[in-house]
Each structure stands twice: as C-alpha cells, then as structure tokens.
C-alpha atoms as a PDB file:
ATOM      1  CA  MET A   1       1.676  -7.625  11.665  1.00  0.00           C
ATOM      2  CA  PRO A   2       3.644  -4.514  10.711  1.00  0.00           C
ATOM      3  CA  GLN A   3       7.686  -5.337  10.283  1.00  0.00           C
ATOM      4  CA  PHE A   4      10.553  -3.520   8.344  1.00  0.00           C
ATOM      5  CA  TYR A   5      10.347  -4.393   4.417  1.00  0.00           C
ATOM      6  CA  ASN A   6      12.305  -1.970   2.425  1.00  0.00           C
ATOM      7  CA  TYR A   7       9.501  -1.666   0.036  1.00  0.00           C
ATOM      8  CA  TYR A   8       5.894  -2.628   0.696  1.00  0.00           C
ATOM      9  CA  ILE A   9       4.023  -3.601  -2.574  1.00  0.00           C
ATOM     10  CA  ILE A  10      -0.104  -3.264  -1.647  1.00  0.00           C
ATOM     11  CA  TYR A  11      -2.932  -3.582  -3.530  1.00  0.00           C
ATOM     12  CA  GLY A  12      -6.922  -3.358  -3.285  1.00  0.00           C
ATOM     13  CA  ASP A  13      -9.657  -1.309  -4.748  1.00  0.00           C
ATOM     14  CA  LYS A  14     -10.830   1.522  -2.868  1.00  0.00           C
ATOM     15  CA  PHE A  15      -8.263   3.803  -0.602  1.00  0.00           C
ATOM     16  CA  GLY A  16      -9.765   6.250   1.977  1.00  0.00           C
ATOM     17  CA  PHE A  17      -8.879   7.471   4.880  1.00  0.00           C
ATOM     18  CA  VAL A  18      -8.742   4.608   7.659  1.00  0.00           C
ATOM     19  CA  ASP A  19      -5.964   2.848   5.106  1.00  0.00           C
ATOM     20  CA  PHE A  20      -4.218   6.135   4.658  1.00  0.00           C
ATOM     21  CA  GLU A  21      -3.924   6.302   8.509  1.00  0.00           C
ATOM     22  CA  SER A  22      -2.431   2.827   8.055  1.00  0.00           C
ATOM     23  CA  VAL A  23      -0.160   3.716   5.826  1.00  0.00           C
ATOM     24  CA  GLU A  24       1.021   6.727   7.369  1.00  0.00           C
ATOM     25  CA  ARG A  25       2.090   4.819  10.995  1.00  0.00           C
ATOM     26  CA  LEU A  26       3.843   1.958   8.388  1.00  0.00           C
ATOM     27  CA  ILE A  27       5.831   5.325   7.259  1.00  0.00           C
ATOM     28  CA  LYS A  28       6.274   7.586  10.522  1.00  0.00           C
ATOM     29  CA  ASN A  29       7.463   4.055  12.620  1.00  0.00           C
ATOM     30  CA  ASN A  30      10.517   3.757  10.017  1.00  0.00           C
ATOM     31  CA  LEU A  31       8.677   0.585   8.794  1.00  0.00           C
ATOM     32  CA  CYS A  32       9.839   0.532   5.204  1.00  0.00           C
ATOM     33  CA  GLU A  33      11.568   3.034   2.872  1.00  0.00           C
ATOM     34  CA  LYS A  34       8.593   3.555   0.486  1.00  0.00           C
ATOM     35  CA  ILE A  35       5.206   2.539  -0.584  1.00  0.00           C
ATOM     36  CA  ILE A  36       3.371   1.482  -3.435  1.00  0.00           C
ATOM     37  CA  ILE A  37       0.053   0.707  -4.012  1.00  0.00           C
ATOM     38  CA  PHE A  38      -2.150  -0.858  -6.701  1.00  0.00           C
ATOM     39  CA  LEU A  39      -5.509   0.451  -6.811  1.00  0.00           C
ATOM     40  CA  SER A  40      -8.401  -0.357  -9.243  1.00  0.00           C
ATOM     41  CA  THR A  41     -10.057   2.911  -7.905  1.00  0.00           C
ATOM     42  CA  GLU A  42      -8.756   6.562  -7.390  1.00  0.00           C
ATOM     43  CA  PRO A  43      -8.610   7.808  -4.272  1.00  0.00           C
ATOM     44  CA  HIS A  44     -10.823  10.995  -3.100  1.00  0.00           C
ATOM     45  CA  LYS A  45      -9.252  14.460  -3.970  1.00  0.00           C
ATOM     46  CA  ASN A  46      -9.125  15.011  -0.010  1.00  0.00           C
ATOM     47  CA  VAL A  47      -6.886  11.559   0.417  1.00  0.00           C
ATOM     48  CA  LYS A  48      -4.601  12.598  -2.630  1.00  0.00           C
ATOM     49  CA  ALA A  49      -4.113  16.039  -0.848  1.00  0.00           C
ATOM     50  CA  ALA A  50      -3.126  14.178   2.194  1.00  0.00           C
ATOM     51  CA  LEU A  51      -0.447  11.776   0.062  1.00  0.00           C
ATOM     52  CA  LYS A  52       1.318  14.522  -0.786  1.00  0.00           C
ATOM     53  CA  LYS A  53       2.765  14.928   2.274  1.00  0.00           C
ATOM     54  CA  TYR A  54       4.662  11.431   1.311  1.00  0.00           C
ATOM     55  CA  GLN A  55       6.840  11.244  -1.316  1.00  0.00           C
ATOM     56  CA  SER A  56       7.180   7.963  -0.308  1.00  0.00           C
ATOM     57  CA  ILE A  57       4.124   6.500  -1.117  1.00  0.00           C
ATOM     58  CA  GLU A  58       3.629   6.183  -4.791  1.00  0.00           C
ATOM     59  CA  ILE A  59       0.118   5.661  -6.152  1.00  0.00           C
ATOM     60  CA  LYS A  60      -0.252   3.512  -9.310  1.00  0.00           C
ATOM     61  CA  LEU A  61      -4.020   2.850 -10.696  1.00  0.00           C
ATOM     62  CA  CYS A  62      -5.079  -0.172 -13.190  1.00  0.00           C
ATOM     63  CA  LYS A  63      -7.749  -2.468 -13.587  1.00  0.00           C
ATOM     64  CA  ASN A  64      -6.859  -5.631 -11.752  1.00  0.00           C
ATOM     65  CA  PRO A  65      -4.426  -4.886  -8.930  1.00  0.00           C
ATOM     66  CA  LYS A  66      -3.912  -7.601  -7.480  1.00  0.00           C
ATOM     67  CA  LYS A  67      -2.688  -9.493 -11.208  1.00  0.00           C
ATOM     68  CA  GLU A  68      -0.787  -5.842 -11.305  1.00  0.00           C
ATOM     69  CA  ALA A  69       1.346  -5.868  -8.051  1.00  0.00           C
ATOM     70  CA  LYS A  70       2.267  -9.542  -8.275  1.00  0.00           C
ATOM     71  CA  LYS A  71       3.747  -8.916 -11.979  1.00  0.00           C
ATOM     72  CA  PHE A  72       5.212  -5.511 -10.883  1.00  0.00           C
ATOM     73  CA  VAL A  73       7.041  -7.215  -7.947  1.00  0.00           C
ATOM     74  CA  LYS A  74       8.604  -9.621 -10.422  1.00  0.00           C
ATOM     75  CA  ASP A  75      10.721  -7.180 -12.083  1.00  0.00           C
ATOM     76  CA  PHE A  76      10.957  -5.036  -8.493  1.00  0.00           C
ATOM     77  CA  LYS A  77      12.437  -7.873  -7.270  1.00  0.00           C
ATOM     78  CA  TYR A  78      14.956  -8.270  -9.798  1.00  0.00           C
ATOM     79  CA  GLU A  79      16.135  -4.665  -9.853  1.00  0.00           C
ATOM     80  CA  ASN A  80      16.275  -4.313  -6.139  1.00  0.00           C
ATOM     81  CA  LYS A  81      18.381  -7.553  -5.326  1.00  0.00           C
ATOM     82  CA  GLY A  82      18.944  -7.658  -1.724  1.00  0.00           C
ATOM     83  CA  LYS A  83      16.226  -5.108  -0.882  1.00  0.00           C
ATOM     84  CA  SER A  84      13.523  -6.695   1.266  1.00  0.00           C
ATOM     85  CA  ILE A  85       9.768  -6.288   0.019  1.00  0.00           C
ATOM     86  CA  GLY A  86       6.365  -6.922   1.546  1.00  0.00           C
ATOM     87  CA  VAL A  87       2.982  -7.932  -0.605  1.00  0.00           C
ATOM     88  CA  TYR A  88      -0.076  -7.276   1.191  1.00  0.00           C
ATOM     89  CA  PRO A  89      -3.883  -7.055   0.214  1.00  0.00           C
ATOM     90  CA  LEU A  90      -4.854  -3.359   1.623  1.00  0.00           C
ATOM     91  CA  GLU A  91      -7.268  -5.285   3.815  1.00  0.00           C
ATOM     92  CA  VAL A  92      -4.773  -6.368   5.638  1.00  0.00           C
ATOM     93  CA  ILE A  93      -2.375  -3.047   5.740  1.00  0.00           C
ATOM     94  CA  ALA A  94      -5.351  -1.488   6.772  1.00  0.00           C
ATOM     95  CA  ASP A  95      -7.172  -2.728  10.005  1.00  0.00           C
ATOM     96  CA  ARG A  96     -10.870  -2.984   8.453  1.00  0.00           C
ATOM     97  CA  SER A  97     -11.717  -6.114  10.906  1.00  0.00           C
ATOM     98  CA  MET A  98     -14.121  -4.002  12.621  1.00  0.00           C
ATOM     99  CA  TRP A  99     -15.870  -3.365   9.500  1.00  0.00           C
ATOM    100  CA  LEU A 100     -16.131  -6.988   8.503  1.00  0.00           C
ATOM    101  CA  ASP A 101     -18.023  -7.894  11.816  1.00  0.00           C
ATOM    102  CA  ILE A 102     -21.155  -8.711  11.389  1.00  0.00           C
ATOM    103  CA  CYS A 103     -22.443  -8.384  14.775  1.00  0.00           C
END
C-alpha cells in the first residue's frame, strides 16, 4: 500500500504506538515530505514525546477528523499545486488488521 506522496493527510480517532510505528516507517522509507494527522483524541504523552523526533509529522485535534481532513485537503490542494496528496484513514496506514480478526 505505501507509495510516495509529497503529503499524507491521515484521519482517525486515536493515535498510539502501533500507529506511530507505521507513520514513522513512511518517513524513514522516504515515502513523503510531510504527514498531517487529524485526531479526535489527543495522543498519550509518551506517543507525543516520540513524535517530537519528527518535525515532518503534524497533529491536528478536532471533533470530526474525517470531515476536517477532507475540508483541509480542498484548500491544501489549491495552495500546493503540482504536489501529490494522499488522504487515508488511520486504519489503512497503520496495520491494525490483526486486531480486526475475531478468531
């Protein structure tokens, strides 16, 4: 799934260490310039401390992350013509598939 975009716009409710590791992989593999994450819940202080290592990750807190992310992208695309932007839910970026298996 990971491919190069200049910007990744990600939205979700909560952001933990599994999510952080997946986002960190995007940056370490040079698959983006910047990641903007829209969340409805503030990350734990340990996750926030880990995020400080990366200036290319930005967290935005809001009540409706999906709606705010899509609204943000409209203006962002206009300001950043010629740049590629990927918009994804956090569950797609962070490999949480093992948690969704009920067996």
